[in-house]
Structures are given as C-alpha cells and as structure tokens.
Protein backbone atom coordinates (compact mmCIF):
# COMPACT_ATOMS: atom_id res chain seq x y z
CA UNK A 1 108.85 154.32 55.76
CA UNK A 2 107.57 153.46 59.19
CA UNK A 3 104.20 155.17 58.78
CA UNK A 4 102.26 151.92 58.64
CA UNK A 5 103.57 150.99 62.10
CA UNK A 6 102.44 154.23 63.69
CA UNK A 7 98.95 154.41 62.21
CA UNK A 8 96.16 153.40 64.62
CA UNK A 9 94.12 150.30 63.89
CA UNK A 10 90.44 150.57 63.27
CA UNK A 11 88.16 148.36 65.37
CA UNK A 12 88.90 145.87 68.14
CA UNK A 13 91.82 143.50 67.76
CA UNK A 14 90.83 140.19 66.22
CA UNK A 15 92.10 136.78 67.21
CA UNK A 16 93.82 134.80 64.51
CA UNK A 17 91.56 132.29 62.78
CA UNK A 18 91.45 128.83 64.34
CA UNK A 19 92.59 125.95 62.16
CA UNK A 20 89.98 123.24 61.57
CA UNK A 21 90.00 120.43 64.08
CA UNK A 22 90.25 122.63 67.17
CA UNK A 23 89.28 121.55 70.67
CA UNK A 24 85.59 122.24 70.08
CA UNK A 25 85.57 119.92 67.05
CA UNK A 26 86.96 116.94 68.95
CA UNK A 27 84.57 114.34 70.29
CA UNK A 28 85.49 112.08 73.20
CA UNK A 29 86.27 108.46 72.54
CA UNK A 30 83.32 106.10 72.87
CA UNK A 31 83.20 103.98 76.02
CA UNK A 32 83.98 100.74 74.20
CA UNK A 33 87.16 102.26 72.73
CA UNK A 34 88.38 103.39 76.14
CA UNK A 35 87.72 99.91 77.52
CA UNK A 36 89.51 98.28 74.58
CA UNK A 37 92.55 100.50 75.16
CA UNK A 38 92.42 99.53 78.83
CA UNK A 39 92.37 95.83 77.87
CA UNK A 40 95.36 96.29 75.57
CA UNK A 41 97.28 98.05 78.35
CA UNK A 42 96.42 95.19 80.72
CA UNK A 43 97.70 92.76 78.06
CA UNK A 44 100.96 94.70 77.86
CA UNK A 45 101.21 94.46 81.64
CA UNK A 46 100.72 90.67 81.45
CA UNK A 47 103.42 90.40 78.80
CA UNK A 48 105.75 92.47 80.97
CA UNK A 49 104.97 90.27 83.97
CA UNK A 50 105.78 87.18 81.90
CA UNK A 51 109.10 88.72 80.91
CA UNK A 52 110.04 89.14 84.55
CA UNK A 53 109.27 85.50 85.32
CA UNK A 54 106.12 85.67 87.42
CA UNK A 55 104.44 82.37 88.19
CA UNK A 56 101.54 80.96 86.20
CA UNK A 57 98.83 81.94 88.69
CA UNK A 58 99.71 85.64 88.52
CA UNK A 59 99.80 85.51 84.72
CA UNK A 60 96.50 83.64 84.61
CA UNK A 61 94.67 86.11 86.84
CA UNK A 62 96.17 89.13 85.04
CA UNK A 63 95.49 87.67 81.61
CA UNK A 64 91.91 86.78 82.50
CA UNK A 65 91.31 90.33 83.70
CA UNK A 66 92.59 91.67 80.37
CA UNK A 67 90.36 89.24 78.50
CA UNK A 68 87.36 90.10 80.67
CA UNK A 69 87.78 93.83 80.03
CA UNK A 70 88.10 93.14 76.30
CA UNK A 71 84.89 91.07 76.39
CA UNK A 72 83.21 93.87 78.30
CA UNK A 73 84.32 96.37 75.63
CA UNK A 74 82.79 94.13 72.98
CA UNK A 75 79.55 93.90 74.96
CA UNK A 76 79.37 97.69 75.26
CA UNK A 77 80.00 98.02 71.52
CA UNK A 78 77.26 95.48 70.74
CA UNK A 79 74.90 97.19 73.17
CA UNK A 80 75.30 100.50 71.34
CA UNK A 81 74.75 98.88 67.94
CA UNK A 82 71.85 96.60 68.85
CA UNK A 83 69.94 98.78 71.31
CA UNK A 84 66.38 99.50 70.21
CA UNK A 85 65.47 103.12 69.57
CA UNK A 86 64.20 105.19 72.47
CA UNK A 87 60.57 104.72 73.34
CA UNK A 88 60.60 101.06 72.36
CA UNK A 89 60.33 99.72 75.89
CA UNK A 90 57.03 100.42 77.61
CA UNK A 91 58.33 100.17 81.17
CA UNK A 92 61.23 101.92 82.87
CA UNK A 93 64.39 99.92 83.40
CA UNK A 94 64.95 98.73 86.95
CA UNK A 95 68.59 99.06 87.94
CA UNK A 96 68.52 97.70 91.49
CA UNK A 97 68.27 94.06 90.49
CA UNK A 98 70.94 94.47 87.82
CA UNK A 99 73.30 96.13 90.29
CA UNK A 100 72.80 93.37 92.88
CA UNK A 101 73.34 90.72 90.21
CA UNK A 102 76.62 92.45 89.26
CA UNK A 103 77.69 92.39 92.92
CA UNK A 104 76.82 88.68 93.12
CA UNK A 105 78.75 87.94 89.92
CA UNK A 106 81.77 89.85 91.25
CA UNK A 107 81.73 87.91 94.51
CA UNK A 108 81.40 84.64 92.59
CA UNK A 109 84.36 85.66 90.42
CA UNK A 110 86.41 86.49 93.52
CA UNK A 111 85.80 82.96 94.79
CA UNK A 112 88.25 81.77 92.13
CA UNK A 113 91.01 83.78 93.78
CA UNK A 114 90.10 83.62 97.48
CA UNK A 115 88.54 80.20 97.84
CA UNK A 116 85.20 78.50 97.57
CA UNK A 117 83.84 80.08 100.75
CA UNK A 118 83.56 83.46 98.96
CA UNK A 119 80.82 82.12 96.71
CA UNK A 120 78.58 81.81 99.77
CA UNK A 121 78.74 85.59 100.11
CA UNK A 122 77.27 85.89 96.59
CA UNK A 123 74.06 84.11 97.61
CA UNK A 124 72.63 87.13 99.47
CA UNK A 125 72.86 89.73 96.64
CA UNK A 126 71.82 87.11 94.07
CA UNK A 127 68.70 86.26 96.10
CA UNK A 128 67.91 89.96 96.50
CA UNK A 129 68.36 90.53 92.74
CA UNK A 130 65.98 87.67 91.92
CA UNK A 131 63.47 89.05 94.45
CA UNK A 132 63.60 92.54 92.96
CA UNK A 133 63.15 91.18 89.44
CA UNK A 134 60.22 88.99 90.53
CA UNK A 135 58.57 91.95 92.26
CA UNK A 136 59.03 94.12 89.16
CA UNK A 137 57.49 91.45 86.92
CA UNK A 138 54.56 90.98 89.30
CA UNK A 139 53.98 94.74 89.34
CA UNK A 140 54.04 94.83 85.51
CA UNK A 141 51.46 92.06 85.33
CA UNK A 142 49.12 93.92 87.70
CA UNK A 143 49.11 97.06 85.52
C-alpha cells in the first residue's frame, strides 16, 4: 500500500513548472505611462485639496503642476513615436545647453510663485545655454 511513498526518486528534484506571465515575462511600464499615472495622482490630490476648502492659489498651483506633468507625459510619448531611427543625426547631441535651458525654464516658472525677481536668476543659465548652443553650431560649421 505505501510502497510508492518509500521508493527512492530517480534524478534531482524538479521545480514545478512556472505559469506563463512570470516575473521574467513582465516588462516595466514605459516612462510616459509612469508620468501619466503621476499626473493622475496629482489630480486626485488637487481634488482632495478642493474638498478640504483650500484657497484658489493652492489649487491653481497644484492643478497646474498636474497639468504640466500630464503635458510632459504626452511630450515623452510623442518623442518615442516621432524620434528618427538611430544613425539619422550626423552629430552627437549636446546636453549641456539643454540642461541649462531646463534650469532657466524652471527658474522662470518659479517666478510665478515667488515673485518677479526670480526671473532675473534665470538670465544666467539661459545666457549660458545660448552660448553653448552657439559654440556647438560654430564648431559644426567649421567641420
């Protein structure tokens, strides 16, 4: 009766088969989807803030941040769909000017919240970004 329980197994023990859709089959969410989820969560936060009676300025700043993140998600999605195939551009992309322009745009955006004097701080990185871009274009022309 119990002979099948006492007989030794042949070979190494095997793991049970994995069902399809295991952890190795999952792909991470694309960046635009993560940003869209973030924008929706920010929108829920704005709606919650409105329910607790916050003033219009708080709702405006919070709502504009949710809208900005949603626009950014759309831009990332469009970038992935409209980007030319690799090898299309002849010159390497310069990131220094783009980074400085992003810093200048952030400081200009902060001037809406902290006052007009903050926009003067954006002049320095904006000037540096324009200078880097001009130098890169001049270098391309010389090649």
